[in-house]
N, C-alpha and C. Protein backbone atom coordinates (compact mmCIF):
# COMPACT_ATOMS: atom_id res chain seq x y z
N ALA A 1 104.46 60.48 226.64
CA ALA A 1 104.31 61.79 227.24
C ALA A 1 104.32 61.66 228.76
N GLY A 2 104.56 62.77 229.42
CA GLY A 2 104.54 62.80 230.87
C GLY A 2 103.12 62.73 231.38
N ARG A 3 102.95 63.00 232.66
CA ARG A 3 101.60 62.95 233.21
C ARG A 3 101.36 64.12 234.16
N VAL A 4 100.11 64.56 234.21
CA VAL A 4 99.68 65.63 235.09
C VAL A 4 99.22 65.01 236.40
N GLU A 5 99.69 65.55 237.51
CA GLU A 5 99.29 65.07 238.83
C GLU A 5 98.52 66.17 239.56
N VAL A 6 97.27 65.88 239.86
CA VAL A 6 96.42 66.79 240.63
C VAL A 6 95.67 65.97 241.66
N PRO A 7 95.35 66.55 242.80
CA PRO A 7 94.57 65.81 243.79
C PRO A 7 93.14 65.60 243.27
N ARG A 8 92.52 64.54 243.74
CA ARG A 8 91.14 64.25 243.33
C ARG A 8 90.20 65.36 243.80
N SER A 9 90.48 65.92 244.97
CA SER A 9 89.66 67.03 245.47
C SER A 9 90.53 67.93 246.34
N VAL A 10 90.10 69.17 246.47
CA VAL A 10 90.76 70.17 247.31
C VAL A 10 89.69 70.79 248.19
N THR A 11 89.95 70.87 249.48
CA THR A 11 89.00 71.46 250.41
C THR A 11 89.38 72.91 250.66
N ALA A 12 88.40 73.77 250.57
CA ALA A 12 88.62 75.20 250.81
C ALA A 12 87.70 75.67 251.93
N VAL A 13 88.16 76.66 252.67
CA VAL A 13 87.36 77.27 253.73
C VAL A 13 86.95 78.66 253.27
N LEU A 14 85.66 78.93 253.31
CA LEU A 14 85.14 80.22 252.87
C LEU A 14 85.88 81.36 253.57
N GLY A 15 86.40 82.31 252.77
CA GLY A 15 87.09 83.46 253.32
C GLY A 15 88.58 83.27 253.51
N GLN A 16 89.10 82.06 253.22
CA GLN A 16 90.53 81.81 253.37
C GLN A 16 91.15 81.44 252.03
N ASP A 17 92.47 81.55 251.96
CA ASP A 17 93.19 81.19 250.75
C ASP A 17 93.26 79.68 250.59
N VAL A 18 93.37 79.25 249.33
CA VAL A 18 93.52 77.82 249.05
C VAL A 18 94.47 77.67 247.86
N VAL A 19 95.28 76.63 247.91
CA VAL A 19 96.20 76.33 246.81
C VAL A 19 95.59 75.22 245.96
N LEU A 20 95.59 75.43 244.65
CA LEU A 20 95.18 74.38 243.71
C LEU A 20 96.46 73.82 243.11
N PRO A 21 96.88 72.64 243.56
CA PRO A 21 98.13 72.07 243.08
C PRO A 21 97.98 71.49 241.68
N CYS A 22 99.06 71.52 240.92
CA CYS A 22 99.11 70.88 239.61
C CYS A 22 100.59 70.68 239.27
N ARG A 23 100.97 69.43 239.12
CA ARG A 23 102.37 69.11 238.82
C ARG A 23 102.41 68.25 237.58
N TYR A 24 103.37 68.56 236.71
CA TYR A 24 103.57 67.76 235.49
C TYR A 24 104.86 66.98 235.64
N ARG A 25 104.76 65.67 235.54
CA ARG A 25 105.93 64.79 235.60
C ARG A 25 106.39 64.56 234.16
N ALA A 26 107.36 65.36 233.74
CA ALA A 26 107.84 65.31 232.36
C ALA A 26 108.73 64.09 232.12
N GLN A 27 108.72 63.62 230.90
CA GLN A 27 109.65 62.59 230.49
C GLN A 27 110.89 63.30 229.93
N GLU A 28 111.90 62.54 229.63
CA GLU A 28 113.13 63.12 229.08
C GLU A 28 112.82 63.95 227.85
N GLN A 29 113.52 65.03 227.72
CA GLN A 29 113.43 65.94 226.58
C GLN A 29 112.12 66.73 226.52
N GLU A 30 111.25 66.59 227.51
CA GLU A 30 110.03 67.38 227.54
C GLU A 30 110.26 68.64 228.36
N GLN A 31 109.55 69.69 227.98
CA GLN A 31 109.63 70.95 228.71
C GLN A 31 108.25 71.58 228.72
N VAL A 32 107.82 72.05 229.86
CA VAL A 32 106.53 72.72 229.96
C VAL A 32 106.72 74.17 229.53
N VAL A 33 105.98 74.59 228.52
CA VAL A 33 106.13 75.95 228.00
C VAL A 33 104.97 76.86 228.38
N GLN A 34 103.86 76.27 228.85
CA GLN A 34 102.73 77.09 229.26
C GLN A 34 101.77 76.25 230.09
N VAL A 35 101.16 76.90 231.09
CA VAL A 35 100.10 76.29 231.89
C VAL A 35 98.89 77.20 231.79
N THR A 36 97.75 76.61 231.48
CA THR A 36 96.50 77.38 231.39
C THR A 36 95.50 76.80 232.39
N TRP A 37 94.96 77.66 233.23
CA TRP A 37 93.94 77.26 234.20
C TRP A 37 92.59 77.70 233.67
N LEU A 38 91.61 76.78 233.71
CA LEU A 38 90.25 77.06 233.27
C LEU A 38 89.28 76.78 234.40
N LYS A 39 88.17 77.53 234.40
CA LYS A 39 87.10 77.29 235.38
C LYS A 39 85.90 76.74 234.61
N ARG A 40 85.46 75.56 235.02
CA ARG A 40 84.29 74.97 234.37
C ARG A 40 83.03 75.63 234.88
N GLY A 41 82.18 75.99 233.95
CA GLY A 41 80.91 76.60 234.30
C GLY A 41 79.76 75.69 233.97
N PRO A 42 78.54 76.20 234.08
CA PRO A 42 77.37 75.39 233.75
C PRO A 42 77.42 74.92 232.29
N GLY A 43 76.95 73.73 232.07
CA GLY A 43 76.92 73.20 230.71
C GLY A 43 78.30 72.90 230.15
N ALA A 44 79.26 72.67 231.03
CA ALA A 44 80.64 72.32 230.64
C ALA A 44 81.35 73.44 229.89
N VAL A 45 80.86 74.66 229.99
CA VAL A 45 81.54 75.79 229.38
C VAL A 45 82.72 76.17 230.27
N ALA A 46 83.89 76.31 229.66
CA ALA A 46 85.10 76.64 230.44
C ALA A 46 85.52 78.08 230.17
N ALA A 47 85.87 78.79 231.23
CA ALA A 47 86.35 80.17 231.13
C ALA A 47 87.81 80.19 231.56
N GLU A 48 88.63 80.90 230.82
CA GLU A 48 90.05 81.01 231.17
C GLU A 48 90.21 81.84 232.44
N VAL A 49 91.00 81.32 233.36
CA VAL A 49 91.28 82.02 234.62
C VAL A 49 92.67 82.65 234.55
N ALA A 50 93.68 81.84 234.21
CA ALA A 50 95.06 82.33 234.21
C ALA A 50 95.90 81.54 233.22
N VAL A 51 96.92 82.22 232.68
CA VAL A 51 97.90 81.58 231.81
C VAL A 51 99.28 81.89 232.39
N LEU A 52 100.07 80.84 232.60
CA LEU A 52 101.44 80.99 233.11
C LEU A 52 102.38 80.64 231.97
N ASN A 53 103.24 81.58 231.61
CA ASN A 53 104.15 81.39 230.49
C ASN A 53 105.50 82.02 230.86
N PRO A 54 106.60 81.25 230.78
CA PRO A 54 107.89 81.79 231.20
C PRO A 54 108.39 82.94 230.31
N GLN A 55 108.01 82.96 229.05
CA GLN A 55 108.46 84.03 228.15
C GLN A 55 107.60 85.28 228.27
N HIS A 56 106.29 85.09 228.41
CA HIS A 56 105.37 86.22 228.38
C HIS A 56 104.81 86.57 229.75
N GLY A 57 105.22 85.83 230.77
CA GLY A 57 104.78 86.13 232.13
C GLY A 57 103.44 85.50 232.46
N GLU A 58 102.87 85.97 233.51
CA GLU A 58 101.59 85.45 233.98
C GLU A 58 100.48 86.41 233.58
N HIS A 59 99.38 85.83 233.10
CA HIS A 59 98.23 86.66 232.75
C HIS A 59 97.01 86.10 233.46
N VAL A 60 96.37 86.94 234.26
CA VAL A 60 95.16 86.55 234.98
C VAL A 60 94.02 87.37 234.40
N GLN A 61 92.93 86.70 234.05
CA GLN A 61 91.77 87.41 233.51
C GLN A 61 91.29 88.45 234.51
N GLU A 62 90.76 89.56 233.99
CA GLU A 62 90.37 90.69 234.83
C GLU A 62 89.41 90.29 235.96
N ALA A 63 88.50 89.37 235.68
CA ALA A 63 87.53 88.96 236.70
C ALA A 63 88.20 88.30 237.91
N PHE A 64 89.43 87.80 237.73
CA PHE A 64 90.14 87.11 238.81
C PHE A 64 91.38 87.88 239.29
N ALA A 65 91.60 89.06 238.76
CA ALA A 65 92.79 89.85 239.10
C ALA A 65 92.83 90.13 240.60
N GLY A 66 94.01 89.93 241.19
CA GLY A 66 94.21 90.15 242.61
C GLY A 66 93.77 88.98 243.47
N ARG A 67 93.07 88.01 242.88
CA ARG A 67 92.60 86.84 243.63
C ARG A 67 93.28 85.56 243.22
N VAL A 68 93.95 85.56 242.07
CA VAL A 68 94.64 84.37 241.57
C VAL A 68 96.12 84.70 241.39
N LEU A 69 96.98 83.93 242.02
CA LEU A 69 98.43 84.13 241.94
C LEU A 69 99.11 82.80 241.67
N ARG A 70 100.25 82.86 241.00
CA ARG A 70 101.02 81.63 240.83
C ARG A 70 101.57 81.23 242.19
N HIS A 71 101.47 79.97 242.51
CA HIS A 71 101.97 79.48 243.78
C HIS A 71 103.27 78.70 243.61
N GLY A 72 103.43 78.06 242.47
CA GLY A 72 104.63 77.26 242.22
C GLY A 72 105.86 78.13 242.05
N HIS A 73 107.00 77.51 242.17
CA HIS A 73 108.26 78.23 242.03
C HIS A 73 109.10 77.53 240.97
N GLY A 74 109.96 78.26 240.31
CA GLY A 74 110.84 77.65 239.32
C GLY A 74 110.11 77.35 238.03
N GLY A 75 110.44 76.22 237.42
CA GLY A 75 109.85 75.84 236.14
C GLY A 75 108.36 75.56 236.27
N LEU A 76 107.71 75.50 235.13
CA LEU A 76 106.27 75.31 235.12
C LEU A 76 105.84 73.87 235.36
N GLU A 77 106.78 72.99 235.67
CA GLU A 77 106.37 71.65 236.07
C GLU A 77 105.49 71.73 237.31
N ASP A 78 105.69 72.78 238.12
CA ASP A 78 104.82 73.08 239.25
C ASP A 78 103.96 74.26 238.83
N GLY A 79 102.76 73.97 238.39
CA GLY A 79 101.86 75.02 237.88
C GLY A 79 100.76 75.38 238.85
N ALA A 80 101.00 75.20 240.16
CA ALA A 80 99.99 75.48 241.18
C ALA A 80 99.62 76.95 241.19
N ILE A 81 98.36 77.21 241.56
CA ILE A 81 97.92 78.59 241.76
C ILE A 81 97.31 78.73 243.14
N LEU A 82 97.30 79.97 243.63
CA LEU A 82 96.72 80.31 244.92
C LEU A 82 95.46 81.14 244.65
N LEU A 83 94.35 80.71 245.24
CA LEU A 83 93.11 81.49 245.18
C LEU A 83 92.97 82.22 246.49
N ARG A 84 92.91 83.54 246.43
CA ARG A 84 92.80 84.33 247.66
C ARG A 84 91.35 84.54 248.05
N ASN A 85 91.12 84.40 249.35
CA ASN A 85 89.81 84.69 249.95
C ASN A 85 88.70 83.98 249.21
């Protein structure tokens, strides 16, 4: 299988936008069909933030609407998102 590449940490400035990068290095014959972003909460509980799907479009949970946007372009091998403010 391919591998997911993400930085070990991302620095954000309060009140400014930040990009959360995520790249998938696919092997031959692999295709990314969906990217799901989760937010870890207390006790390792994860909440869905956004789902990126080329067939069904992008879906951002209501709590994050207007604040989370897809940042990558083209195929989902670049599944980066932008967090606003």
